[in-house]
């Protein structure tokens, strides 16, 4: 039972890490795109 325990958890960790990084990168792009500038720059 303990033979494959670390390997399985490491694979799960890598999947979670990849998902986190994918979401983090995606969110930063969306935030940059959603920035709206006012028509009048003096405000």
Protein backbone atom coordinates (compact mmCIF):
# COMPACT_ATOMS: atom_id res chain seq x y z
CA UNK A 1 0.00 0.00 0.00
CA UNK A 2 2.74 2.48 0.88
CA UNK A 3 4.75 1.65 -2.24
CA UNK A 4 2.82 3.92 -4.58
CA UNK A 5 1.50 6.44 -2.04
CA UNK A 6 4.10 9.16 -2.63
CA UNK A 7 4.01 8.77 -6.40
CA UNK A 8 0.22 9.12 -6.52
CA UNK A 9 0.19 12.16 -4.29
CA UNK A 10 3.01 13.78 -6.26
CA UNK A 11 1.04 13.32 -9.49
CA UNK A 12 -2.03 14.85 -7.85
CA UNK A 13 0.11 17.76 -6.63
CA UNK A 14 1.44 18.37 -10.13
CA UNK A 15 -2.09 18.42 -11.56
CA UNK A 16 -3.27 20.90 -8.91
CA UNK A 17 -0.19 23.06 -9.50
CA UNK A 18 -0.77 23.09 -13.25
CA UNK A 19 -4.44 24.03 -12.79
CA UNK A 20 -3.50 26.81 -10.37
CA UNK A 21 -0.90 28.26 -12.72
CA UNK A 22 -3.27 28.03 -15.67
CA UNK A 23 -5.98 29.90 -13.72
CA UNK A 24 -3.48 32.45 -12.43
CA UNK A 25 -2.20 33.20 -15.92
CA UNK A 26 -5.69 33.35 -17.37
CA UNK A 27 -6.96 35.72 -14.70
CA UNK A 28 -4.11 38.15 -15.16
CA UNK A 29 -4.80 38.40 -18.89
CA UNK A 30 -8.50 38.97 -18.36
CA UNK A 31 -7.88 41.67 -15.77
CA UNK A 32 -5.58 43.52 -18.16
CA UNK A 33 -8.15 43.35 -20.97
CA UNK A 34 -11.01 44.53 -18.77
CA UNK A 35 -9.34 47.80 -17.79
CA UNK A 36 -11.45 50.65 -19.11
CA UNK A 37 -10.01 54.08 -19.67
CA UNK A 38 -12.19 57.15 -19.24
CA UNK A 39 -12.93 59.24 -22.33
CA UNK A 40 -11.55 62.32 -20.64
CA UNK A 41 -8.00 61.70 -19.36
CA UNK A 42 -8.12 64.80 -17.12
CA UNK A 43 -10.45 63.07 -14.66
